[in-house]
Amino acid sequence: MSTLTVLHFPDPRLRKKARPVAAVDAQVRQLSRDMLETMYAENGIGLAATQVNVQQRVVVMDLSEEKNEPVTLVNPEIMQETGTEEMEEGCLSVPGFTDLVQRAEKISYRYLDLDGQEIEAEADGLRAVCIQHEIDHLDGKLFIDYLSPIKRQRVRKKIAKQNKIRAL
């Protein structure tokens, strides 16, 4: 396994739309292992392949406190959304920033597991938010896109300032 480099906003590669995975094979399973290692090293709960510059529809998550319940979603798609809720979100690609985002409260979704089997499931709470957040990444969308233009501009300015400081 190896740790991958997480892209940071405003990197334009984060805006690319991921391609569907044609077949769950050894390469996809290795990508999943590397993504999980990266996510754990970055103290995240979810990671989309596009965040590590791989344009495939693969997401990894682990919402457990012990970090021992990894899940990989290949070609995930939301089939139904109900209700709305607002939750504080952050992102490994926008480090140091969080804000409230409104999303569906409950979702039904489907994906392929690492054996290539199609799974249909429902989720609510943090799991539903995480799945929606990561699927957004696969579609080239970031959580800050849900913020007001003023808040997005503040994030851009803070990141530009941080990048200048790091460059010194």
C-alpha atoms as a PDB file:
ATOM      1  CA  MET A   1       0.000   0.000   0.000  1.00  0.00           C
ATOM      2  CA  SER A   2       1.053   3.566  -0.462  1.00  0.00           C
ATOM      3  CA  THR A   3      -0.126   6.984   0.579  1.00  0.00           C
ATOM      4  CA  LEU A   4      -1.347   9.126  -2.292  1.00  0.00           C
ATOM      5  CA  THR A   5      -1.171  12.915  -2.641  1.00  0.00           C
ATOM      6  CA  VAL A   6      -4.463  14.684  -1.909  1.00  0.00           C
ATOM      7  CA  LEU A   7      -5.206  17.567  -4.267  1.00  0.00           C
ATOM      8  CA  HIS A   8      -6.095  20.886  -2.622  1.00  0.00           C
ATOM      9  CA  PHE A   9      -8.508  23.580  -3.756  1.00  0.00           C
ATOM     10  CA  PRO A  10      -8.212  25.505  -6.087  1.00  0.00           C
ATOM     11  CA  ASP A  11      -6.443  22.751  -8.101  1.00  0.00           C
ATOM     12  CA  PRO A  12      -8.457  22.504 -11.353  1.00  0.00           C
ATOM     13  CA  ARG A  13      -8.107  18.706 -11.391  1.00  0.00           C
ATOM     14  CA  LEU A  14     -10.671  18.623  -8.555  1.00  0.00           C
ATOM     15  CA  ARG A  15     -13.251  19.852 -11.095  1.00  0.00           C
ATOM     16  CA  LYS A  16     -12.829  16.884 -13.444  1.00  0.00           C
ATOM     17  CA  LYS A  17     -15.673  14.410 -13.672  1.00  0.00           C
ATOM     18  CA  ALA A  18     -14.708  10.802 -12.938  1.00  0.00           C
ATOM     19  CA  ARG A  19     -15.327   7.980 -15.425  1.00  0.00           C
ATOM     20  CA  PRO A  20     -17.279   4.865 -14.458  1.00  0.00           C
ATOM     21  CA  VAL A  21     -15.211   1.821 -13.556  1.00  0.00           C
ATOM     22  CA  ALA A  22     -15.605  -0.806 -16.302  1.00  0.00           C
ATOM     23  CA  ALA A  23     -14.716  -3.776 -14.087  1.00  0.00           C
ATOM     24  CA  VAL A  24     -13.772  -4.256 -10.449  1.00  0.00           C
ATOM     25  CA  ASP A  25     -10.328  -5.787 -10.817  1.00  0.00           C
ATOM     26  CA  ALA A  26      -6.988  -5.956  -9.000  1.00  0.00           C
ATOM     27  CA  GLN A  27      -6.173  -2.358 -10.003  1.00  0.00           C
ATOM     28  CA  VAL A  28      -9.398  -1.053  -8.447  1.00  0.00           C
ATOM     29  CA  ARG A  29      -8.834  -3.086  -5.268  1.00  0.00           C
ATOM     30  CA  GLN A  30      -5.268  -1.694  -4.996  1.00  0.00           C
ATOM     31  CA  LEU A  31      -6.573   1.831  -5.555  1.00  0.00           C
ATOM     32  CA  SER A  32      -9.088   1.240  -2.747  1.00  0.00           C
ATOM     33  CA  ARG A  33      -6.335   0.095  -0.341  1.00  0.00           C
ATOM     34  CA  ASP A  34      -4.145   3.098  -1.233  1.00  0.00           C
ATOM     35  CA  MET A  35      -7.068   5.502  -0.859  1.00  0.00           C
ATOM     36  CA  LEU A  36      -7.962   4.058   2.552  1.00  0.00           C
ATOM     37  CA  GLU A  37      -4.351   4.386   3.720  1.00  0.00           C
ATOM     38  CA  THR A  38      -4.312   7.994   2.486  1.00  0.00           C
ATOM     39  CA  MET A  39      -7.666   8.794   4.119  1.00  0.00           C
ATOM     40  CA  TYR A  40      -6.529   7.367   7.470  1.00  0.00           C
ATOM     41  CA  ALA A  41      -3.183   9.224   7.265  1.00  0.00           C
ATOM     42  CA  GLU A  42      -5.081  12.482   6.643  1.00  0.00           C
ATOM     43  CA  ASN A  43      -7.589  11.777   9.480  1.00  0.00           C
ATOM     44  CA  GLY A  44     -10.527  11.803   7.080  1.00  0.00           C
ATOM     45  CA  ILE A  45     -13.765   9.820   7.027  1.00  0.00           C
ATOM     46  CA  GLY A  46     -14.182   9.739   3.242  1.00  0.00           C
ATOM     47  CA  LEU A  47     -12.130  10.140   0.090  1.00  0.00           C
ATOM     48  CA  ALA A  48     -13.024  10.151  -3.600  1.00  0.00           C
ATOM     49  CA  ALA A  49     -10.582   8.989  -6.268  1.00  0.00           C
ATOM     50  CA  THR A  50     -10.718  12.403  -7.949  1.00  0.00           C
ATOM     51  CA  GLN A  51      -9.158  13.895  -4.805  1.00  0.00           C
ATOM     52  CA  VAL A  52      -6.016  11.840  -5.481  1.00  0.00           C
ATOM     53  CA  ASN A  53      -6.090  12.647  -9.215  1.00  0.00           C
ATOM     54  CA  VAL A  54      -7.580   9.339 -10.330  1.00  0.00           C
ATOM     55  CA  GLN A  55     -10.547   9.946 -12.610  1.00  0.00           C
ATOM     56  CA  GLN A  56     -12.487   6.808 -11.683  1.00  0.00           C
ATOM     57  CA  ARG A  57     -15.780   6.553  -9.784  1.00  0.00           C
ATOM     58  CA  VAL A  58     -14.366   5.082  -6.571  1.00  0.00           C
ATOM     59  CA  VAL A  59     -15.074   6.272  -3.017  1.00  0.00           C
ATOM     60  CA  VAL A  60     -13.746   5.002   0.310  1.00  0.00           C
ATOM     61  CA  MET A  61     -15.227   5.752   3.727  1.00  0.00           C
ATOM     62  CA  ASP A  62     -14.845   4.733   7.342  1.00  0.00           C
ATOM     63  CA  LEU A  63     -17.179   6.373   9.840  1.00  0.00           C
ATOM     64  CA  SER A  64     -16.180   4.181  12.798  1.00  0.00           C
ATOM     65  CA  GLU A  65     -14.448   5.651  15.844  1.00  0.00           C
ATOM     66  CA  GLU A  66     -11.846   2.854  15.751  1.00  0.00           C
ATOM     67  CA  LYS A  67     -11.207   3.279  12.008  1.00  0.00           C
ATOM     68  CA  ASN A  68     -11.818  -0.424  11.446  1.00  0.00           C
ATOM     69  CA  GLU A  69     -14.935  -0.443   9.236  1.00  0.00           C
ATOM     70  CA  PRO A  70     -13.703   0.569   5.773  1.00  0.00           C
ATOM     71  CA  VAL A  71     -16.189   0.656   2.905  1.00  0.00           C
ATOM     72  CA  THR A  72     -15.450   1.028  -0.800  1.00  0.00           C
ATOM     73  CA  LEU A  73     -18.133   2.217  -3.201  1.00  0.00           C
ATOM     74  CA  VAL A  74     -17.443   1.638  -6.893  1.00  0.00           C
ATOM     75  CA  ASN A  75     -19.657   3.540  -9.358  1.00  0.00           C
ATOM     76  CA  PRO A  76     -21.892   4.861  -6.550  1.00  0.00           C
ATOM     77  CA  GLU A  77     -25.128   6.572  -7.474  1.00  0.00           C
ATOM     78  CA  ILE A  78     -27.949   8.047  -5.463  1.00  0.00           C
ATOM     79  CA  MET A  79     -31.330   6.691  -6.482  1.00  0.00           C
ATOM     80  CA  GLN A  80     -33.563   8.682  -4.135  1.00  0.00           C
ATOM     81  CA  GLU A  81     -33.256  11.577  -1.692  1.00  0.00           C
ATOM     82  CA  THR A  82     -35.727  12.567   1.024  1.00  0.00           C
ATOM     83  CA  GLY A  83     -35.839  15.382   3.542  1.00  0.00           C
ATOM     84  CA  THR A  84     -33.159  17.954   4.200  1.00  0.00           C
ATOM     85  CA  GLU A  85     -30.685  18.506   6.980  1.00  0.00           C
ATOM     86  CA  GLU A  86     -27.831  20.866   7.646  1.00  0.00           C
ATOM     87  CA  MET A  87     -24.518  19.532   8.885  1.00  0.00           C
ATOM     88  CA  GLU A  88     -21.036  20.950   9.369  1.00  0.00           C
ATOM     89  CA  GLU A  89     -18.750  19.676   6.624  1.00  0.00           C
ATOM     90  CA  GLY A  90     -15.054  19.799   5.990  1.00  0.00           C
ATOM     91  CA  CYS A  91     -12.899  18.299   3.274  1.00  0.00           C
ATOM     92  CA  LEU A  92      -9.390  16.906   2.891  1.00  0.00           C
ATOM     93  CA  SER A  93      -9.120  18.951  -0.323  1.00  0.00           C
ATOM     94  CA  VAL A  94     -10.064  22.172   1.497  1.00  0.00           C
ATOM     95  CA  PRO A  95      -8.020  21.731   4.700  1.00  0.00           C
ATOM     96  CA  GLY A  96      -8.747  23.906   7.687  1.00  0.00           C
ATOM     97  CA  PHE A  97     -12.205  25.014   6.558  1.00  0.00           C
ATOM     98  CA  THR A  98     -15.646  23.850   7.637  1.00  0.00           C
ATOM     99  CA  ASP A  99     -19.131  25.227   7.160  1.00  0.00           C
ATOM    100  CA  LEU A 100     -22.776  24.229   7.320  1.00  0.00           C
ATOM    101  CA  VAL A 101     -24.094  22.540   4.170  1.00  0.00           C
ATOM    102  CA  GLN A 102     -27.664  21.519   3.442  1.00  0.00           C
ATOM    103  CA  ARG A 103     -28.120  18.043   1.942  1.00  0.00           C
ATOM    104  CA  ALA A 104     -30.707  15.281   1.744  1.00  0.00           C
ATOM    105  CA  GLU A 105     -31.481  13.781   5.143  1.00  0.00           C
ATOM    106  CA  LYS A 106     -31.939  10.245   3.825  1.00  0.00           C
ATOM    107  CA  ILE A 107     -30.783   8.598   0.620  1.00  0.00           C
ATOM    108  CA  SER A 108     -31.116   5.301  -1.148  1.00  0.00           C
ATOM    109  CA  TYR A 109     -28.080   4.436  -3.238  1.00  0.00           C
ATOM    110  CA  ARG A 110     -26.362   1.661  -5.136  1.00  0.00           C
ATOM    111  CA  TYR A 111     -22.780   0.748  -5.849  1.00  0.00           C
ATOM    112  CA  LEU A 112     -20.474  -2.134  -6.653  1.00  0.00           C
ATOM    113  CA  ASP A 113     -18.440  -3.670  -3.845  1.00  0.00           C
ATOM    114  CA  LEU A 114     -14.857  -4.902  -4.290  1.00  0.00           C
ATOM    115  CA  ASP A 115     -16.185  -8.283  -5.486  1.00  0.00           C
ATOM    116  CA  GLY A 116     -18.106  -6.537  -8.278  1.00  0.00           C
ATOM    117  CA  GLN A 117     -21.462  -7.267  -6.634  1.00  0.00           C
ATOM    118  CA  GLU A 118     -24.175  -4.605  -6.915  1.00  0.00           C
ATOM    119  CA  ILE A 119     -25.398  -3.429  -3.522  1.00  0.00           C
ATOM    120  CA  GLU A 120     -28.461  -1.275  -2.828  1.00  0.00           C
ATOM    121  CA  ALA A 121     -28.717   0.429   0.539  1.00  0.00           C
ATOM    122  CA  GLU A 122     -30.192   3.339   2.461  1.00  0.00           C
ATOM    123  CA  ALA A 123     -28.388   5.843   4.637  1.00  0.00           C
ATOM    124  CA  ASP A 124     -29.165   8.773   6.870  1.00  0.00           C
ATOM    125  CA  GLY A 125     -27.221  11.083   9.161  1.00  0.00           C
ATOM    126  CA  LEU A 126     -23.461  11.280   8.738  1.00  0.00           C
ATOM    127  CA  ARG A 127     -23.333   8.288   6.353  1.00  0.00           C
ATOM    128  CA  ALA A 128     -25.819   9.964   3.970  1.00  0.00           C
ATOM    129  CA  VAL A 129     -23.912  13.264   4.120  1.00  0.00           C
ATOM    130  CA  CYS A 130     -20.566  11.550   3.507  1.00  0.00           C
ATOM    131  CA  ILE A 131     -21.875   9.603   0.494  1.00  0.00           C
ATOM    132  CA  GLN A 132     -23.389  12.751  -1.029  1.00  0.00           C
ATOM    133  CA  HIS A 133     -20.168  14.709  -0.372  1.00  0.00           C
ATOM    134  CA  GLU A 134     -17.967  12.055  -2.004  1.00  0.00           C
ATOM    135  CA  ILE A 135     -20.248  11.558  -5.016  1.00  0.00           C
ATOM    136  CA  ASP A 136     -20.107  15.333  -5.497  1.00  0.00           C
ATOM    137  CA  HIS A 137     -16.306  14.995  -5.753  1.00  0.00           C
ATOM    138  CA  LEU A 138     -16.740  12.381  -8.485  1.00  0.00           C
ATOM    139  CA  ASP A 139     -18.841  14.949 -10.343  1.00  0.00           C
ATOM    140  CA  GLY A 140     -16.271  17.757  -9.912  1.00  0.00           C
ATOM    141  CA  LYS A 141     -18.151  19.537  -7.133  1.00  0.00           C
ATOM    142  CA  LEU A 142     -16.815  20.660  -3.728  1.00  0.00           C
ATOM    143  CA  PHE A 143     -18.703  21.366  -0.501  1.00  0.00           C
ATOM    144  CA  ILE A 144     -17.740  25.031  -0.769  1.00  0.00           C
ATOM    145  CA  ASP A 145     -19.848  25.221  -3.943  1.00  0.00           C
ATOM    146  CA  TYR A 146     -22.881  25.084  -1.619  1.00  0.00           C
ATOM    147  CA  LEU A 147     -21.725  28.194   0.244  1.00  0.00           C
ATOM    148  CA  SER A 148     -22.711  31.752  -0.573  1.00  0.00           C
ATOM    149  CA  PRO A 149     -20.463  33.612  -3.041  1.00  0.00           C
ATOM    150  CA  ILE A 150     -19.162  35.778  -0.181  1.00  0.00           C
ATOM    151  CA  LYS A 151     -18.157  32.749   1.906  1.00  0.00           C
ATOM    152  CA  ARG A 152     -16.522  31.073  -1.127  1.00  0.00           C
ATOM    153  CA  GLN A 153     -14.509  34.231  -1.785  1.00  0.00           C
ATOM    154  CA  ARG A 154     -13.348  34.261   1.853  1.00  0.00           C
ATOM    155  CA  VAL A 155     -12.169  30.660   1.505  1.00  0.00           C
ATOM    156  CA  ARG A 156     -10.261  31.526  -1.699  1.00  0.00           C
ATOM    157  CA  LYS A 157      -8.563  34.488  -0.012  1.00  0.00           C
ATOM    158  CA  LYS A 158      -7.589  32.465   3.065  1.00  0.00           C
ATOM    159  CA  ILE A 159      -6.154  29.685   0.908  1.00  0.00           C
ATOM    160  CA  ALA A 160      -4.227  32.172  -1.241  1.00  0.00           C
ATOM    161  CA  LYS A 161      -2.802  33.723   1.938  1.00  0.00           C
ATOM    162  CA  GLN A 162      -1.839  30.300   3.342  1.00  0.00           C
ATOM    163  CA  ASN A 163      -0.160  29.368   0.061  1.00  0.00           C
ATOM    164  CA  LYS A 164       1.840  32.622   0.084  1.00  0.00           C
ATOM    165  CA  ILE A 165       3.004  31.971   3.646  1.00  0.00           C
ATOM    166  CA  ARG A 166       4.042  28.397   2.743  1.00  0.00           C
ATOM    167  CA  ALA A 167       5.976  29.687  -0.272  1.00  0.00           C
ATOM    168  CA  LEU A 168       8.122  31.990   1.875  1.00  0.00           C
END
